[in-house]
């Protein structure tokens, strides 16, 4: 397991796959007012917890959390969203992971204003920060200003926005695309709708929609095998499981508990 962790950076890459779930939408980003996007999927105070592992061994934990307090940026109400993934203390002598991400997401337009990243994986360290101007279609990383397309997202805000989309109306085999800004580049990544499945994780048994992020050359996500994600087939669209196969086994992230949901868990069977 040691070699696998060193080569794949398991926890981060698998959890990050959650963020590859966003379809393009059309609006005039240069207008005086930002768009208004419907959101019946999440609210302040929501928290999703996961265990992350290899085959039958739990190697780490992770969570998404929307802070309970309303954030304000540019005089607009926003969500302060946190994501963290870390290795278990008992395994840190083998390889230590402690990665943290955050985004400030406009509560009405569902577009990001600011993204921060802090990566600590063994001896590897990386910090990044990006500020978005959704009116002027620009992204500023502290050193350079980039021109970006309409409706640009970071990887965290992309995950939350897709939960507001009506996936029930997408047929099996449908492919949609995202545009997200990362590391000075705009990356394109497709997402394919597969089928409905009932799956059981520690948090319960859920009816889900199975989807697959499609790797595009030069994109953010790279994997030797397919990555599959299971979202609850209800208004919440919680990701309850992520899985990918490699030569020596399976890597997974599974929901262990949740709180602060906006809607009842209609997709939960038990």
Protein backbone atom coordinates (compact mmCIF):
# COMPACT_ATOMS: atom_id res chain seq x y z
CA UNK A 1 0.00 0.00 0.00
CA UNK A 2 2.90 2.34 0.64
CA UNK A 3 4.01 2.39 -3.00
CA UNK A 4 0.48 2.93 -4.19
CA UNK A 5 -0.05 5.95 -1.96
CA UNK A 6 3.23 7.50 -3.01
CA UNK A 7 2.51 7.11 -6.70
CA UNK A 8 -1.17 7.99 -6.83
CA UNK A 9 -1.85 10.54 -4.08
CA UNK A 10 -5.04 8.56 -3.55
CA UNK A 11 -7.18 10.57 -1.27
CA UNK A 12 -6.88 13.90 -3.03
CA UNK A 13 -7.29 12.65 -6.60
CA UNK A 14 -10.32 10.51 -5.79
CA UNK A 15 -12.15 13.10 -3.70
CA UNK A 16 -11.34 15.76 -6.30
CA UNK A 17 -13.29 13.70 -8.79
CA UNK A 18 -16.43 14.96 -7.01
CA UNK A 19 -15.72 18.39 -8.48
CA UNK A 20 -15.84 17.25 -12.09
CA UNK A 21 -19.62 17.50 -12.27
CA UNK A 22 -20.68 20.76 -13.93
CA UNK A 23 -22.57 21.62 -17.08
CA UNK A 24 -22.15 24.82 -19.06
CA UNK A 25 -24.84 27.50 -18.75
CA UNK A 26 -25.40 30.69 -20.73
CA UNK A 27 -25.53 34.24 -19.44
CA UNK A 28 -23.89 37.60 -20.13
CA UNK A 29 -21.05 37.82 -17.60
CA UNK A 30 -20.33 41.39 -18.66
CA UNK A 31 -23.76 42.60 -17.64
CA UNK A 32 -24.22 44.90 -14.66
CA UNK A 33 -26.01 42.18 -12.73
CA UNK A 34 -24.95 38.59 -12.20
CA UNK A 35 -27.27 35.77 -13.13
CA UNK A 36 -29.73 34.22 -10.69
CA UNK A 37 -29.37 30.45 -10.39
CA UNK A 38 -31.86 28.19 -8.62
CA UNK A 39 -30.55 26.16 -5.70
CA UNK A 40 -32.70 23.61 -3.93
CA UNK A 41 -29.81 21.25 -3.16
CA UNK A 42 -27.79 22.65 -0.24
CA UNK A 43 -27.69 25.36 2.40
CA UNK A 44 -25.60 26.84 5.21
CA UNK A 45 -24.37 24.35 7.80
CA UNK A 46 -24.32 21.24 5.60
CA UNK A 47 -21.51 18.76 6.30
CA UNK A 48 -20.59 15.53 4.46
CA UNK A 49 -18.01 13.13 5.94
CA UNK A 50 -16.13 10.36 4.11
CA UNK A 51 -13.72 7.54 4.66
CA UNK A 52 -11.09 7.09 1.97
CA UNK A 53 -9.17 3.90 1.42
CA UNK A 54 -7.59 1.21 -0.68
CA UNK A 55 -9.40 -2.12 -1.14
CA UNK A 56 -10.56 -3.02 2.39
CA UNK A 57 -8.19 -0.70 4.28
CA UNK A 58 -9.38 2.73 5.45
CA UNK A 59 -6.41 5.05 4.95
CA UNK A 60 -7.86 8.51 5.42
CA UNK A 61 -10.82 10.78 6.08
CA UNK A 62 -12.32 13.75 4.31
CA UNK A 63 -15.20 16.17 4.53
CA UNK A 64 -17.08 18.95 2.76
CA UNK A 65 -18.59 21.65 4.92
CA UNK A 66 -20.61 24.79 4.25
CA UNK A 67 -19.94 27.08 7.18
CA UNK A 68 -23.10 28.03 9.13
CA UNK A 69 -22.44 31.78 8.97
CA UNK A 70 -23.31 33.76 5.83
CA UNK A 71 -20.17 35.07 4.12
CA UNK A 72 -20.16 38.50 2.51
CA UNK A 73 -17.98 39.46 -0.44
CA UNK A 74 -18.55 42.31 -2.90
CA UNK A 75 -21.61 43.11 -0.76
CA UNK A 76 -23.18 39.85 -1.83
CA UNK A 77 -24.29 36.92 0.34
CA UNK A 78 -22.08 33.91 -0.23
CA UNK A 79 -21.31 30.40 1.00
CA UNK A 80 -17.98 29.74 2.71
CA UNK A 81 -17.23 26.14 1.68
CA UNK A 82 -14.42 24.01 3.09
CA UNK A 83 -12.96 20.74 1.86
CA UNK A 84 -10.28 18.74 3.67
CA UNK A 85 -8.76 15.29 3.26
CA UNK A 86 -6.15 13.77 5.56
CA UNK A 87 -4.46 10.45 6.30
CA UNK A 88 -5.23 8.54 9.48
CA UNK A 89 -2.84 9.27 12.32
CA UNK A 90 -1.95 5.57 12.55
CA UNK A 91 -0.70 5.64 8.92
CA UNK A 92 1.10 8.97 8.90
CA UNK A 93 4.42 7.27 9.57
CA UNK A 94 4.02 5.68 6.11
CA UNK A 95 2.81 8.74 4.24
CA UNK A 96 1.16 11.90 5.52
CA UNK A 97 -1.58 13.74 3.66
CA UNK A 98 -3.31 16.88 4.90
CA UNK A 99 -4.91 18.89 2.08
CA UNK A 100 -7.37 21.75 2.47
CA UNK A 101 -9.43 23.69 -0.04
CA UNK A 102 -11.96 26.49 0.30
CA UNK A 103 -14.15 28.57 -1.97
CA UNK A 104 -16.40 31.57 -1.51
CA UNK A 105 -19.48 30.85 -3.64
CA UNK A 106 -22.03 33.55 -4.47
CA UNK A 107 -25.34 32.44 -2.95
CA UNK A 108 -27.49 33.84 -5.76
CA UNK A 109 -25.35 33.41 -8.90
CA UNK A 110 -23.63 30.21 -7.67
CA UNK A 111 -20.30 31.44 -9.06
CA UNK A 112 -17.01 31.60 -7.12
CA UNK A 113 -15.34 34.76 -5.88
CA UNK A 114 -12.28 33.27 -4.25
CA UNK A 115 -10.53 29.89 -4.17
CA UNK A 116 -7.73 28.72 -1.88
CA UNK A 117 -5.69 25.53 -1.87
CA UNK A 118 -3.22 24.13 0.66
CA UNK A 119 -1.58 20.80 -0.22
CA UNK A 120 0.63 18.80 2.15
CA UNK A 121 1.46 15.34 0.81
CA UNK A 122 4.64 13.84 2.24
CA UNK A 123 7.41 16.28 1.35
CA UNK A 124 5.34 17.87 -1.40
CA UNK A 125 3.79 21.25 -0.59
CA UNK A 126 1.73 23.64 -2.66
CA UNK A 127 -0.33 26.72 -1.85
CA UNK A 128 -2.54 28.58 -4.30
CA UNK A 129 -5.12 31.36 -4.22
CA UNK A 130 -7.31 32.73 -7.01
CA UNK A 131 -9.72 35.67 -7.02
CA UNK A 132 -12.45 35.70 -9.67
CA UNK A 133 -14.13 38.72 -11.20
CA UNK A 134 -17.32 37.25 -12.61
CA UNK A 135 -18.29 40.59 -14.18
CA UNK A 136 -15.10 40.99 -16.20
CA UNK A 137 -14.38 37.28 -16.83
CA UNK A 138 -10.96 37.33 -15.18
CA UNK A 139 -9.05 35.25 -12.64
CA UNK A 140 -6.15 36.67 -10.59
CA UNK A 141 -3.70 34.30 -8.88
CA UNK A 142 -1.65 36.93 -7.06
CA UNK A 143 0.87 37.31 -9.88
CA UNK A 144 -1.08 37.37 -13.12
CA UNK A 145 -4.55 38.14 -14.39
CA UNK A 146 -6.09 35.63 -16.81
CA UNK A 147 -9.01 36.03 -19.17
CA UNK A 148 -11.48 33.21 -18.59
CA UNK A 149 -14.78 32.07 -20.19
CA UNK A 150 -18.26 32.88 -18.90
CA UNK A 151 -19.37 30.87 -15.88
CA UNK A 152 -15.88 29.87 -14.84
CA UNK A 153 -15.54 27.73 -11.70
CA UNK A 154 -12.91 26.38 -9.40
CA UNK A 155 -12.98 22.69 -8.52
CA UNK A 156 -14.91 23.13 -5.26
CA UNK A 157 -17.61 25.48 -6.55
CA UNK A 158 -18.09 23.20 -9.57
CA UNK A 159 -19.04 20.31 -7.30
CA UNK A 160 -21.67 22.36 -5.51
CA UNK A 161 -23.14 23.90 -8.63
CA UNK A 162 -23.78 20.55 -10.30
CA UNK A 163 -25.91 19.53 -7.36
CA UNK A 164 -28.41 22.18 -8.42
CA UNK A 165 -28.79 20.70 -11.92
CA UNK A 166 -31.73 18.50 -12.92
CA UNK A 167 -29.93 15.21 -13.49
CA UNK A 168 -33.21 13.28 -13.54
CA UNK A 169 -33.90 14.63 -17.04
CA UNK A 170 -30.55 13.41 -18.41
CA UNK A 171 -30.74 10.07 -20.20
CA UNK A 172 -28.21 7.30 -19.76
CA UNK A 173 -25.26 8.01 -22.04
CA UNK A 174 -25.66 11.80 -21.88
CA UNK A 175 -22.34 13.68 -21.74
CA UNK A 176 -21.98 17.25 -20.51
CA UNK A 177 -18.94 19.45 -20.01
CA UNK A 178 -17.38 21.84 -17.53
CA UNK A 179 -14.96 24.74 -17.70
CA UNK A 180 -12.87 25.19 -14.59
CA UNK A 181 -9.82 27.29 -13.84
CA UNK A 182 -6.87 25.61 -12.13
CA UNK A 183 -3.14 26.29 -12.00
CA UNK A 184 -3.29 29.09 -14.58
CA UNK A 185 -5.29 27.09 -17.12
CA UNK A 186 -8.90 26.56 -18.17
CA UNK A 187 -9.58 22.82 -18.30
CA UNK A 188 -12.37 21.03 -20.10
CA UNK A 189 -13.74 17.77 -18.73
CA UNK A 190 -16.74 15.75 -19.78
CA UNK A 191 -19.11 13.90 -17.46
CA UNK A 192 -21.12 10.90 -18.62
CA UNK A 193 -24.44 9.79 -17.11
CA UNK A 194 -24.55 6.01 -16.65
CA UNK A 195 -27.46 4.42 -14.80
CA UNK A 196 -29.47 4.33 -11.59
CA UNK A 197 -28.20 1.98 -8.90
CA UNK A 198 -28.96 1.23 -5.26
CA UNK A 199 -25.77 1.12 -3.18
CA UNK A 200 -24.94 0.70 0.50
CA UNK A 201 -22.27 2.67 2.38
CA UNK A 202 -21.66 3.32 6.06
CA UNK A 203 -24.14 6.21 6.03
CA UNK A 204 -26.96 3.99 4.69
CA UNK A 205 -28.50 2.49 1.56
CA UNK A 206 -29.34 4.99 -1.19
CA UNK A 207 -30.86 5.13 -4.65
CA UNK A 208 -28.21 6.82 -6.79
CA UNK A 209 -27.26 8.14 -10.21
CA UNK A 210 -23.95 6.73 -11.41
CA UNK A 211 -21.77 9.10 -13.41
CA UNK A 212 -18.26 9.05 -14.88
CA UNK A 213 -15.84 11.97 -15.32
CA UNK A 214 -14.16 11.63 -18.72
CA UNK A 215 -10.47 12.47 -18.76
CA UNK A 216 -9.41 15.01 -21.39
CA UNK A 217 -5.74 15.55 -22.24
CA UNK A 218 -4.42 18.52 -20.34
CA UNK A 219 -7.30 18.34 -17.85
CA UNK A 220 -7.19 18.30 -14.10
CA UNK A 221 -7.91 14.65 -13.39
CA UNK A 222 -5.71 11.78 -14.43
CA UNK A 223 -6.26 8.12 -13.67
CA UNK A 224 -5.16 4.75 -15.02
CA UNK A 225 -8.75 3.50 -14.74
CA UNK A 226 -12.28 4.85 -14.96
CA UNK A 227 -13.58 6.96 -12.08
CA UNK A 228 -17.21 6.43 -11.08
CA UNK A 229 -19.30 8.61 -8.77
CA UNK A 230 -22.68 7.81 -7.20
CA UNK A 231 -24.97 10.77 -6.36
CA UNK A 232 -28.20 10.42 -4.40
CA UNK A 233 -31.17 10.41 -6.76
CA UNK A 234 -33.05 13.17 -4.93
CA UNK A 235 -32.92 16.94 -4.50
CA UNK A 236 -29.73 16.82 -2.39
CA UNK A 237 -27.58 14.94 -4.94
CA UNK A 238 -25.07 14.02 -2.27
CA UNK A 239 -22.03 12.09 -3.51
CA UNK A 240 -22.18 8.90 -1.47
CA UNK A 241 -19.39 6.96 -3.19
CA UNK A 242 -16.43 7.40 -5.52
CA UNK A 243 -14.46 4.46 -6.87
CA UNK A 244 -11.69 3.71 -9.36
CA UNK A 245 -9.85 0.52 -10.28
CA UNK A 246 -6.09 0.24 -10.66
CA UNK A 247 -3.82 -2.72 -11.34
CA UNK A 248 -3.56 -3.73 -7.69
CA UNK A 249 -7.08 -3.06 -6.43
CA UNK A 250 -9.78 -0.46 -5.78
CA UNK A 251 -9.54 3.03 -4.37
CA UNK A 252 -12.72 4.44 -2.87
CA UNK A 253 -14.33 7.26 -0.90
CA UNK A 254 -17.59 6.47 0.91
CA UNK A 255 -20.01 8.65 2.84
CA UNK A 256 -19.99 7.88 6.58
CA UNK A 257 -22.31 10.56 7.93
CA UNK A 258 -24.06 13.78 6.97
CA UNK A 259 -25.86 16.66 8.65
CA UNK A 260 -27.48 19.99 7.87
CA UNK A 261 -29.06 18.90 4.57
CA UNK A 262 -31.51 21.25 2.93
CA UNK A 263 -33.97 18.49 1.95
CA UNK A 264 -35.17 15.16 3.32
CA UNK A 265 -33.06 12.19 2.20
CA UNK A 266 -35.73 10.75 -0.08
CA UNK A 267 -33.16 8.55 -1.81
CA UNK A 268 -32.26 6.75 1.40
CA UNK A 269 -33.91 3.34 1.69
CA UNK A 270 -32.52 2.39 5.13
